[in-house]
Amino acid sequence: EAIAVVIGFPERDGGRLYNSAAVL
């Protein structure tokens, strides 16, 4: 929890897929 992490993942939203990045 002490560090923020930025990673890439394939995000499914409805019928669409995105090349996405998330900040955790």
mmCIF file of all heavy atoms, coordinates in Angstrom:
data_MODEL
# 
_entry.id   MODEL 
# 
loop_
_atom_site.group_PDB 
_atom_site.id 
_atom_site.type_symbol 
_atom_site.label_atom_id 
_atom_site.label_alt_id 
_atom_site.label_comp_id 
_atom_site.label_asym_id 
_atom_site.label_entity_id 
_atom_site.label_seq_id 
_atom_site.pdbx_PDB_ins_code 
_atom_site.Cartn_x 
_atom_site.Cartn_y 
_atom_site.Cartn_z 
_atom_site.occupancy 
_atom_site.B_iso_or_equiv 
_atom_site.pdbx_formal_charge 
_atom_site.auth_seq_id 
_atom_site.auth_comp_id 
_atom_site.auth_asym_id 
_atom_site.auth_atom_id 
_atom_site.pdbx_PDB_model_num 
ATOM 1   N N   . GLU A 1 1  ? 0.803   -1.225 0.000   1.00 0.00 ? 1  GLU A N   1 
ATOM 2   C CA  . GLU A 1 1  ? 0.000   0.000  0.000   1.00 0.00 ? 1  GLU A CA  1 
ATOM 3   C C   . GLU A 1 1  ? 0.830   1.265  0.000   1.00 0.00 ? 1  GLU A C   1 
ATOM 4   O O   . GLU A 1 1  ? 0.328   2.346  -0.354  1.00 0.00 ? 1  GLU A O   1 
ATOM 5   C CB  . GLU A 1 1  ? -0.943  -0.006 1.216   1.00 0.00 ? 1  GLU A CB  1 
ATOM 6   C CG  . GLU A 1 1  ? -2.023  -1.074 1.140   1.00 0.00 ? 1  GLU A CG  1 
ATOM 7   C CD  . GLU A 1 1  ? -3.131  -0.848 2.150   1.00 0.00 ? 1  GLU A CD  1 
ATOM 8   O OE1 . GLU A 1 1  ? -3.032  0.117  2.942   1.00 0.00 ? 1  GLU A OE1 1 
ATOM 9   O OE2 . GLU A 1 1  ? -4.113  -1.625 2.128   1.00 0.00 ? 1  GLU A OE2 1 
ATOM 10  N N   . ALA A 1 2  ? 2.089   1.170  0.361   1.00 0.00 ? 2  ALA A N   1 
ATOM 11  C CA  . ALA A 1 2  ? 2.913   2.371  0.473   1.00 0.00 ? 2  ALA A CA  1 
ATOM 12  C C   . ALA A 1 2  ? 3.380   2.905  -0.874  1.00 0.00 ? 2  ALA A C   1 
ATOM 13  O O   . ALA A 1 2  ? 3.965   3.986  -0.942  1.00 0.00 ? 2  ALA A O   1 
ATOM 14  C CB  . ALA A 1 2  ? 4.125   2.078  1.361   1.00 0.00 ? 2  ALA A CB  1 
ATOM 15  N N   . ILE A 1 3  ? 3.133   2.185  -1.958  1.00 0.00 ? 3  ILE A N   1 
ATOM 16  C CA  . ILE A 1 3  ? 3.620   2.602  -3.267  1.00 0.00 ? 3  ILE A CA  1 
ATOM 17  C C   . ILE A 1 3  ? 2.484   2.522  -4.279  1.00 0.00 ? 3  ILE A C   1 
ATOM 18  O O   . ILE A 1 3  ? 1.666   1.595  -4.242  1.00 0.00 ? 3  ILE A O   1 
ATOM 19  C CB  . ILE A 1 3  ? 4.811   1.728  -3.716  1.00 0.00 ? 3  ILE A CB  1 
ATOM 20  C CG1 . ILE A 1 3  ? 5.440   2.269  -5.008  1.00 0.00 ? 3  ILE A CG1 1 
ATOM 21  C CG2 . ILE A 1 3  ? 4.437   0.267  -3.859  1.00 0.00 ? 3  ILE A CG2 1 
ATOM 22  C CD1 . ILE A 1 3  ? 6.760   1.583  -5.360  1.00 0.00 ? 3  ILE A CD1 1 
ATOM 23  N N   . ALA A 1 4  ? 2.403   3.506  -5.146  1.00 0.00 ? 4  ALA A N   1 
ATOM 24  C CA  . ALA A 1 4  ? 1.432   3.473  -6.243  1.00 0.00 ? 4  ALA A CA  1 
ATOM 25  C C   . ALA A 1 4  ? 2.032   2.701  -7.410  1.00 0.00 ? 4  ALA A C   1 
ATOM 26  O O   . ALA A 1 4  ? 3.235   2.781  -7.667  1.00 0.00 ? 4  ALA A O   1 
ATOM 27  C CB  . ALA A 1 4  ? 1.070   4.886  -6.675  1.00 0.00 ? 4  ALA A CB  1 
ATOM 28  N N   . VAL A 1 5  ? 1.188   1.955  -8.102  1.00 0.00 ? 5  VAL A N   1 
ATOM 29  C CA  . VAL A 1 5  ? 1.662   1.087  -9.178  1.00 0.00 ? 5  VAL A CA  1 
ATOM 30  C C   . VAL A 1 5  ? 0.849   1.379  -10.437 1.00 0.00 ? 5  VAL A C   1 
ATOM 31  O O   . VAL A 1 5  ? -0.382  1.391  -10.398 1.00 0.00 ? 5  VAL A O   1 
ATOM 32  C CB  . VAL A 1 5  ? 1.518   -0.402 -8.793  1.00 0.00 ? 5  VAL A CB  1 
ATOM 33  C CG1 . VAL A 1 5  ? 1.975   -1.299 -9.939  1.00 0.00 ? 5  VAL A CG1 1 
ATOM 34  C CG2 . VAL A 1 5  ? 2.308   -0.701 -7.520  1.00 0.00 ? 5  VAL A CG2 1 
ATOM 35  N N   . VAL A 1 6  ? 1.564   1.598  -11.545 1.00 0.00 ? 6  VAL A N   1 
ATOM 36  C CA  . VAL A 1 6  ? 0.914   1.850  -12.832 1.00 0.00 ? 6  VAL A CA  1 
ATOM 37  C C   . VAL A 1 6  ? 1.209   0.673  -13.747 1.00 0.00 ? 6  VAL A C   1 
ATOM 38  O O   . VAL A 1 6  ? 2.384   0.389  -14.045 1.00 0.00 ? 6  VAL A O   1 
ATOM 39  C CB  . VAL A 1 6  ? 1.405   3.159  -13.477 1.00 0.00 ? 6  VAL A CB  1 
ATOM 40  C CG1 . VAL A 1 6  ? 0.649   3.430  -14.777 1.00 0.00 ? 6  VAL A CG1 1 
ATOM 41  C CG2 . VAL A 1 6  ? 1.238   4.329  -12.514 1.00 0.00 ? 6  VAL A CG2 1 
ATOM 42  N N   . ILE A 1 7  ? 0.161   -0.037 -14.163 1.00 0.00 ? 7  ILE A N   1 
ATOM 43  C CA  . ILE A 1 7  ? 0.345   -1.223 -15.004 1.00 0.00 ? 7  ILE A CA  1 
ATOM 44  C C   . ILE A 1 7  ? -0.596  -1.173 -16.209 1.00 0.00 ? 7  ILE A C   1 
ATOM 45  O O   . ILE A 1 7  ? -1.629  -0.508 -16.189 1.00 0.00 ? 7  ILE A O   1 
ATOM 46  C CB  . ILE A 1 7  ? 0.089   -2.537 -14.225 1.00 0.00 ? 7  ILE A CB  1 
ATOM 47  C CG1 . ILE A 1 7  ? -1.338  -2.581 -13.675 1.00 0.00 ? 7  ILE A CG1 1 
ATOM 48  C CG2 . ILE A 1 7  ? 1.118   -2.718 -13.121 1.00 0.00 ? 7  ILE A CG2 1 
ATOM 49  C CD1 . ILE A 1 7  ? -1.718  -3.917 -13.081 1.00 0.00 ? 7  ILE A CD1 1 
ATOM 50  N N   . GLY A 1 8  ? -0.237  -1.921 -17.236 1.00 0.00 ? 8  GLY A N   1 
ATOM 51  C CA  . GLY A 1 8  ? -1.063  -2.032 -18.422 1.00 0.00 ? 8  GLY A CA  1 
ATOM 52  C C   . GLY A 1 8  ? -1.890  -3.311 -18.391 1.00 0.00 ? 8  GLY A C   1 
ATOM 53  O O   . GLY A 1 8  ? -1.434  -4.348 -17.898 1.00 0.00 ? 8  GLY A O   1 
ATOM 54  N N   . PHE A 1 9  ? -3.113  -3.233 -18.935 1.00 0.00 ? 9  PHE A N   1 
ATOM 55  C CA  . PHE A 1 9  ? -3.983  -4.417 -18.971 1.00 0.00 ? 9  PHE A CA  1 
ATOM 56  C C   . PHE A 1 9  ? -5.023  -4.236 -20.077 1.00 0.00 ? 9  PHE A C   1 
ATOM 57  O O   . PHE A 1 9  ? -5.325  -3.108 -20.489 1.00 0.00 ? 9  PHE A O   1 
ATOM 58  C CB  . PHE A 1 9  ? -4.670  -4.619 -17.616 1.00 0.00 ? 9  PHE A CB  1 
ATOM 59  C CG  . PHE A 1 9  ? -5.786  -3.648 -17.333 1.00 0.00 ? 9  PHE A CG  1 
ATOM 60  C CD1 . PHE A 1 9  ? -7.112  -4.060 -17.371 1.00 0.00 ? 9  PHE A CD1 1 
ATOM 61  C CD2 . PHE A 1 9  ? -5.526  -2.307 -17.040 1.00 0.00 ? 9  PHE A CD2 1 
ATOM 62  C CE1 . PHE A 1 9  ? -8.150  -3.176 -17.112 1.00 0.00 ? 9  PHE A CE1 1 
ATOM 63  C CE2 . PHE A 1 9  ? -6.556  -1.417 -16.796 1.00 0.00 ? 9  PHE A CE2 1 
ATOM 64  C CZ  . PHE A 1 9  ? -7.874  -1.842 -16.819 1.00 0.00 ? 9  PHE A CZ  1 
ATOM 65  N N   . PRO A 1 10 ? -5.604  -5.326 -20.586 1.00 0.00 ? 10 PRO A N   1 
ATOM 66  C CA  . PRO A 1 10 ? -6.680  -5.211 -21.562 1.00 0.00 ? 10 PRO A CA  1 
ATOM 67  C C   . PRO A 1 10 ? -8.012  -5.036 -20.835 1.00 0.00 ? 10 PRO A C   1 
ATOM 68  O O   . PRO A 1 10 ? -8.464  -5.927 -20.124 1.00 0.00 ? 10 PRO A O   1 
ATOM 69  C CB  . PRO A 1 10 ? -6.620  -6.545 -22.310 1.00 0.00 ? 10 PRO A CB  1 
ATOM 70  C CG  . PRO A 1 10 ? -6.088  -7.508 -21.313 1.00 0.00 ? 10 PRO A CG  1 
ATOM 71  C CD  . PRO A 1 10 ? -5.201  -6.730 -20.377 1.00 0.00 ? 10 PRO A CD  1 
ATOM 72  N N   . GLU A 1 11 ? -8.640  -3.892 -21.022 1.00 0.00 ? 11 GLU A N   1 
ATOM 73  C CA  . GLU A 1 11 ? -9.844  -3.556 -20.272 1.00 0.00 ? 11 GLU A CA  1 
ATOM 74  C C   . GLU A 1 11 ? -11.090 -3.844 -21.118 1.00 0.00 ? 11 GLU A C   1 
ATOM 75  O O   . GLU A 1 11 ? -11.252 -3.290 -22.205 1.00 0.00 ? 11 GLU A O   1 
ATOM 76  C CB  . GLU A 1 11 ? -9.824  -2.077 -19.884 1.00 0.00 ? 11 GLU A CB  1 
ATOM 77  C CG  . GLU A 1 11 ? -11.060 -1.629 -19.131 1.00 0.00 ? 11 GLU A CG  1 
ATOM 78  C CD  . GLU A 1 11 ? -11.211 -0.118 -19.118 1.00 0.00 ? 11 GLU A CD  1 
ATOM 79  O OE1 . GLU A 1 11 ? -10.397 0.581  -19.761 1.00 0.00 ? 11 GLU A OE1 1 
ATOM 80  O OE2 . GLU A 1 11 ? -12.159 0.359  -18.469 1.00 0.00 ? 11 GLU A OE2 1 
ATOM 81  N N   . ARG A 1 12 ? -11.955 -4.679 -20.607 1.00 0.00 ? 12 ARG A N   1 
ATOM 82  C CA  . ARG A 1 12 ? -13.220 -4.966 -21.270 1.00 0.00 ? 12 ARG A CA  1 
ATOM 83  C C   . ARG A 1 12 ? -14.308 -4.061 -20.688 1.00 0.00 ? 12 ARG A C   1 
ATOM 84  O O   . ARG A 1 12 ? -14.500 -3.998 -19.482 1.00 0.00 ? 12 ARG A O   1 
ATOM 85  C CB  . ARG A 1 12 ? -13.608 -6.430 -21.056 1.00 0.00 ? 12 ARG A CB  1 
ATOM 86  C CG  . ARG A 1 12 ? -14.989 -6.798 -21.568 1.00 0.00 ? 12 ARG A CG  1 
ATOM 87  C CD  . ARG A 1 12 ? -15.053 -6.878 -23.081 1.00 0.00 ? 12 ARG A CD  1 
ATOM 88  N NE  . ARG A 1 12 ? -14.324 -8.032 -23.581 1.00 0.00 ? 12 ARG A NE  1 
ATOM 89  C CZ  . ARG A 1 12 ? -14.122 -8.267 -24.865 1.00 0.00 ? 12 ARG A CZ  1 
ATOM 90  N NH1 . ARG A 1 12 ? -14.568 -7.405 -25.761 1.00 0.00 ? 12 ARG A NH1 1 
ATOM 91  N NH2 . ARG A 1 12 ? -13.452 -9.342 -25.251 1.00 0.00 ? 12 ARG A NH2 1 
ATOM 92  N N   . ASP A 1 13 ? -14.981 -3.328 -21.567 1.00 0.00 ? 13 ASP A N   1 
ATOM 93  C CA  . ASP A 1 13 ? -16.090 -2.477 -21.145 1.00 0.00 ? 13 ASP A CA  1 
ATOM 94  C C   . ASP A 1 13 ? -17.229 -2.697 -22.129 1.00 0.00 ? 13 ASP A C   1 
ATOM 95  O O   . ASP A 1 13 ? -17.167 -2.252 -23.282 1.00 0.00 ? 13 ASP A O   1 
ATOM 96  C CB  . ASP A 1 13 ? -15.670 -1.011 -21.126 1.00 0.00 ? 13 ASP A CB  1 
ATOM 97  C CG  . ASP A 1 13 ? -16.768 -0.110 -20.566 1.00 0.00 ? 13 ASP A CG  1 
ATOM 98  O OD1 . ASP A 1 13 ? -17.797 -0.637 -20.102 1.00 0.00 ? 13 ASP A OD1 1 
ATOM 99  O OD2 . ASP A 1 13 ? -16.596 1.125  -20.611 1.00 0.00 ? 13 ASP A OD2 1 
ATOM 100 N N   . GLY A 1 14 ? -18.259 -3.412 -21.685 1.00 0.00 ? 14 GLY A N   1 
ATOM 101 C CA  . GLY A 1 14 ? -19.333 -3.782 -22.588 1.00 0.00 ? 14 GLY A CA  1 
ATOM 102 C C   . GLY A 1 14 ? -18.800 -4.733 -23.642 1.00 0.00 ? 14 GLY A C   1 
ATOM 103 O O   . GLY A 1 14 ? -18.145 -5.722 -23.350 1.00 0.00 ? 14 GLY A O   1 
ATOM 104 N N   . GLY A 1 15 ? -19.037 -4.420 -24.879 1.00 0.00 ? 15 GLY A N   1 
ATOM 105 C CA  . GLY A 1 15 ? -18.539 -5.273 -25.951 1.00 0.00 ? 15 GLY A CA  1 
ATOM 106 C C   . GLY A 1 15 ? -17.232 -4.793 -26.535 1.00 0.00 ? 15 GLY A C   1 
ATOM 107 O O   . GLY A 1 15 ? -16.805 -5.300 -27.573 1.00 0.00 ? 15 GLY A O   1 
ATOM 108 N N   . ARG A 1 16 ? -16.567 -3.838 -25.895 1.00 0.00 ? 16 ARG A N   1 
ATOM 109 C CA  . ARG A 1 16 ? -15.338 -3.258 -26.426 1.00 0.00 ? 16 ARG A CA  1 
ATOM 110 C C   . ARG A 1 16 ? -14.139 -3.588 -25.546 1.00 0.00 ? 16 ARG A C   1 
ATOM 111 O O   . ARG A 1 16 ? -14.266 -3.732 -24.331 1.00 0.00 ? 16 ARG A O   1 
ATOM 112 C CB  . ARG A 1 16 ? -15.477 -1.747 -26.576 1.00 0.00 ? 16 ARG A CB  1 
ATOM 113 C CG  . ARG A 1 16 ? -16.517 -1.345 -27.612 1.00 0.00 ? 16 ARG A CG  1 
ATOM 114 C CD  . ARG A 1 16 ? -16.637 0.155  -27.730 1.00 0.00 ? 16 ARG A CD  1 
ATOM 115 N NE  . ARG A 1 16 ? -17.572 0.523  -28.785 1.00 0.00 ? 16 ARG A NE  1 
ATOM 116 C CZ  . ARG A 1 16 ? -17.883 1.772  -29.105 1.00 0.00 ? 16 ARG A CZ  1 
ATOM 117 N NH1 . ARG A 1 16 ? -17.333 2.774  -28.430 1.00 0.00 ? 16 ARG A NH1 1 
ATOM 118 N NH2 . ARG A 1 16 ? -18.729 2.024  -30.090 1.00 0.00 ? 16 ARG A NH2 1 
ATOM 119 N N   . LEU A 1 17 ? -12.995 -3.679 -26.204 1.00 0.00 ? 17 LEU A N   1 
ATOM 120 C CA  . LEU A 1 17 ? -11.751 -3.963 -25.500 1.00 0.00 ? 17 LEU A CA  1 
ATOM 121 C C   . LEU A 1 17 ? -10.809 -2.784 -25.706 1.00 0.00 ? 17 LEU A C   1 
ATOM 122 O O   . LEU A 1 17 ? -10.659 -2.273 -26.826 1.00 0.00 ? 17 LEU A O   1 
ATOM 123 C CB  . LEU A 1 17 ? -11.119 -5.243 -26.047 1.00 0.00 ? 17 LEU A CB  1 
ATOM 124 C CG  . LEU A 1 17 ? -9.903  -5.784 -25.286 1.00 0.00 ? 17 LEU A CG  1 
ATOM 125 C CD1 . LEU A 1 17 ? -10.313 -6.263 -23.891 1.00 0.00 ? 17 LEU A CD1 1 
ATOM 126 C CD2 . LEU A 1 17 ? -9.258  -6.939 -26.056 1.00 0.00 ? 17 LEU A CD2 1 
ATOM 127 N N   . TYR A 1 18 ? -10.151 -2.373 -24.623 1.00 0.00 ? 18 TYR A N   1 
ATOM 128 C CA  . TYR A 1 18 ? -9.238  -1.237 -24.679 1.00 0.00 ? 18 TYR A CA  1 
ATOM 129 C C   . TYR A 1 18 ? -7.849  -1.651 -24.210 1.00 0.00 ? 18 TYR A C   1 
ATOM 130 O O   . TYR A 1 18 ? -7.714  -2.495 -23.318 1.00 0.00 ? 18 TYR A O   1 
ATOM 131 C CB  . TYR A 1 18 ? -9.744  -0.092 -23.783 1.00 0.00 ? 18 TYR A CB  1 
ATOM 132 C CG  . TYR A 1 18 ? -11.072 0.474  -24.213 1.00 0.00 ? 18 TYR A CG  1 
ATOM 133 C CD1 . TYR A 1 18 ? -12.261 -0.046 -23.678 1.00 0.00 ? 18 TYR A CD1 1 
ATOM 134 C CD2 . TYR A 1 18 ? -11.153 1.505  -25.138 1.00 0.00 ? 18 TYR A CD2 1 
ATOM 135 C CE1 . TYR A 1 18 ? -13.489 0.459  -24.063 1.00 0.00 ? 18 TYR A CE1 1 
ATOM 136 C CE2 . TYR A 1 18 ? -12.385 2.016  -25.531 1.00 0.00 ? 18 TYR A CE2 1 
ATOM 137 C CZ  . TYR A 1 18 ? -13.545 1.494  -24.988 1.00 0.00 ? 18 TYR A CZ  1 
ATOM 138 O OH  . TYR A 1 18 ? -14.761 1.990  -25.379 1.00 0.00 ? 18 TYR A OH  1 
ATOM 139 N N   . ASN A 1 19 ? -6.840  -1.052 -24.805 1.00 0.00 ? 19 ASN A N   1 
ATOM 140 C CA  . ASN A 1 19 ? -5.460  -1.175 -24.326 1.00 0.00 ? 19 ASN A CA  1 
ATOM 141 C C   . ASN A 1 19 ? -5.302  -0.107 -23.247 1.00 0.00 ? 19 ASN A C   1 
ATOM 142 O O   . ASN A 1 19 ? -5.155  1.076  -23.562 1.00 0.00 ? 19 ASN A O   1 
ATOM 143 C CB  . ASN A 1 19 ? -4.497  -0.947 -25.487 1.00 0.00 ? 19 ASN A CB  1 
ATOM 144 C CG  . ASN A 1 19 ? -3.037  -1.121 -25.085 1.00 0.00 ? 19 ASN A CG  1 
ATOM 145 O OD1 . ASN A 1 19 ? -2.708  -1.090 -23.904 1.00 0.00 ? 19 ASN A OD1 1 
ATOM 146 N ND2 . ASN A 1 19 ? -2.164  -1.275 -26.066 1.00 0.00 ? 19 ASN A ND2 1 
ATOM 147 N N   . SER A 1 20 ? -5.335  -0.519 -21.991 1.00 0.00 ? 20 SER A N   1 
ATOM 148 C CA  . SER A 1 20 ? -5.491  0.444  -20.900 1.00 0.00 ? 20 SER A CA  1 
ATOM 149 C C   . SER A 1 20 ? -4.337  0.404  -19.909 1.00 0.00 ? 20 SER A C   1 
ATOM 150 O O   . SER A 1 20 ? -3.553  -0.554 -19.863 1.00 0.00 ? 20 SER A O   1 
ATOM 151 C CB  . SER A 1 20 ? -6.812  0.182  -20.152 1.00 0.00 ? 20 SER A CB  1 
ATOM 152 O OG  . SER A 1 20 ? -7.911  0.399  -21.001 1.00 0.00 ? 20 SER A OG  1 
ATOM 153 N N   . ALA A 1 21 ? -4.264  1.453  -19.111 1.00 0.00 ? 21 ALA A N   1 
ATOM 154 C CA  . ALA A 1 21 ? -3.326  1.538  -17.994 1.00 0.00 ? 21 ALA A CA  1 
ATOM 155 C C   . ALA A 1 21 ? -4.117  1.887  -16.746 1.00 0.00 ? 21 ALA A C   1 
ATOM 156 O O   . ALA A 1 21 ? -5.028  2.728  -16.791 1.00 0.00 ? 21 ALA A O   1 
ATOM 157 C CB  . ALA A 1 21 ? -2.267  2.595  -18.261 1.00 0.00 ? 21 ALA A CB  1 
ATOM 158 N N   . ALA A 1 22 ? -3.785  1.222  -15.651 1.00 0.00 ? 22 ALA A N   1 
ATOM 159 C CA  . ALA A 1 22 ? -4.468  1.472  -14.381 1.00 0.00 ? 22 ALA A CA  1 
ATOM 160 C C   . ALA A 1 22 ? -3.476  1.929  -13.330 1.00 0.00 ? 22 ALA A C   1 
ATOM 161 O O   . ALA A 1 22 ? -2.327  1.461  -13.293 1.00 0.00 ? 22 ALA A O   1 
ATOM 162 C CB  . ALA A 1 22 ? -5.187  0.210  -13.907 1.00 0.00 ? 22 ALA A CB  1 
ATOM 163 N N   . VAL A 1 23 ? -3.936  2.833  -12.462 1.00 0.00 ? 23 VAL A N   1 
ATOM 164 C CA  . VAL A 1 23 ? -3.136  3.277  -11.317 1.00 0.00 ? 23 VAL A CA  1 
ATOM 165 C C   . VAL A 1 23 ? -3.729  2.628  -10.072 1.00 0.00 ? 23 VAL A C   1 
ATOM 166 O O   . VAL A 1 23 ? -4.897  2.849  -9.733  1.00 0.00 ? 23 VAL A O   1 
ATOM 167 C CB  . VAL A 1 23 ? -3.168  4.810  -11.179 1.00 0.00 ? 23 VAL A CB  1 
ATOM 168 C CG1 . VAL A 1 23 ? -2.270  5.251  -10.023 1.00 0.00 ? 23 VAL A CG1 1 
ATOM 169 C CG2 . VAL A 1 23 ? -2.740  5.486  -12.474 1.00 0.00 ? 23 VAL A CG2 1 
ATOM 170 N N   . LEU A 1 24 ? -2.924  1.795  -9.416  1.00 0.00 ? 24 LEU A N   1 
ATOM 171 C CA  . LEU A 1 24 ? -3.355  1.073  -8.224  1.00 0.00 ? 24 LEU A CA  1 
ATOM 172 C C   . LEU A 1 24 ? -2.640  1.645  -7.005  1.00 0.00 ? 24 LEU A C   1 
ATOM 173 O O   . LEU A 1 24 ? -1.420  1.798  -7.010  1.00 0.00 ? 24 LEU A O   1 
ATOM 174 C CB  . LEU A 1 24 ? -3.041  -0.414 -8.361  1.00 0.00 ? 24 LEU A CB  1 
ATOM 175 C CG  . LEU A 1 24 ? -3.523  -1.112 -9.638  1.00 0.00 ? 24 LEU A CG  1 
ATOM 176 C CD1 . LEU A 1 24 ? -3.105  -2.571 -9.629  1.00 0.00 ? 24 LEU A CD1 1 
ATOM 177 C CD2 . LEU A 1 24 ? -5.026  -0.989 -9.788  1.00 0.00 ? 24 LEU A CD2 1 
# 
